């Protein structure tokens, strides 16, 4: 029975009871029997309706879950219809993957089937046997990694011959000047080993091999060059770099038979600037650095009493003092503050500072006759201070200029 029908029946039963009670109020003195009661049909109808509402609410609350279940059932049904087809495709993928691996890496059971990787290697190896450039590729990569201290730049053999230069697997662009110099230098060194070049009877000319290299690479370049040309019949080495020159001089001084020259310039009103070849300046050969040379001038300083004989000494003394303080008091402080840090006679330190500071700058005044005795005194003070503050260093300098 429907909910609405039961509601109307319950309302009718209630009205009947109300009518009985109303009649009773009019007959208060009379006894009246009462036998009416409400049926449970309406209550059962309400419970049935609530149960239906709950079912609908549950359906709505779990709508996404119900939808997912339905989709999963549809999916399973669809897969069940294509199961054999999917299984066949999986088997085909496995077989194709095995074949790809076989094509790439060869067949372990068939030595004659090399595979793509082995064939590529054989092609490159054969190309390397044909061209000296190819033979040098591995050596060049090894030496370049050692020289630069990193392996990001490598050479690869180009398909049409020659090399490709790559950085981290990509064609290299915008190589620095130092990297270009390193590549050119090492290529030159490797090519000296070419079978077509007779090193023992050959003549080698090397023009400034360390151009654009930083100081960290200078010793590397010297080591490579020394080992590359040591067996050559004749070698011409040209450089603008004093530090590299000293490395070469120290090396060749132990071998003997070497000659040293430098290109000088001269000027004339008729011919202008012209260059000519002359023997290497003996001061470049005999001194390890400008510091050694200037120290030698101060250590051997003697004056004939004239201003001309001492006029250049204040600037030399200041250079020597600044260089000495640079490593003895390694800070960014002023010259005065560095002098304060030294343990030495305060009066003599003050005299040294005033002399090297005032006399090495333009004063605007005329010649000072006291420059001669002041120079004699303060040069002696400076050498005395260097000896007192760092005796071992001073003795090494003295020994170097006396060799």
Foldseek 3Di string as FASTA:
>chain_A
DALVVLVVVQVVLVVVVVVVVVVCVVVVPDDDDDDGDGDCPNVVNVVVVVVVVVVVVVCVVCVVVVVVVVVVVVVVVVCVVCVVVVVVVVVVVVVVVVVQCCQQANDPVDPVTGHDVRVVVVVLVVVLVVDVQSVCQVVLQVLLCVLVVHNQWGWDADPVGDTFIGGNPHGDDDDAPQSVLSSVLSVVLSCLPPPVHDFQADEEEAAASCPPPDPVNLVVSLVSVCVSNVNGNYYHYHHPDLQSVQVVLVVVVVVDPDFAKDKDWDADPVPGIDIDIDGDDVVSNQDNDVLLVLLVCLVPQDDPLDCVSCLCVLQSLLVNLVVLLCVVVVDPDDSVVSLVPFPDDPVLSVLLVCSSPVSVDDDVDDDDSCSVVSRVVNSVSSLVSCCVRPVVVSVVSVVSNVD
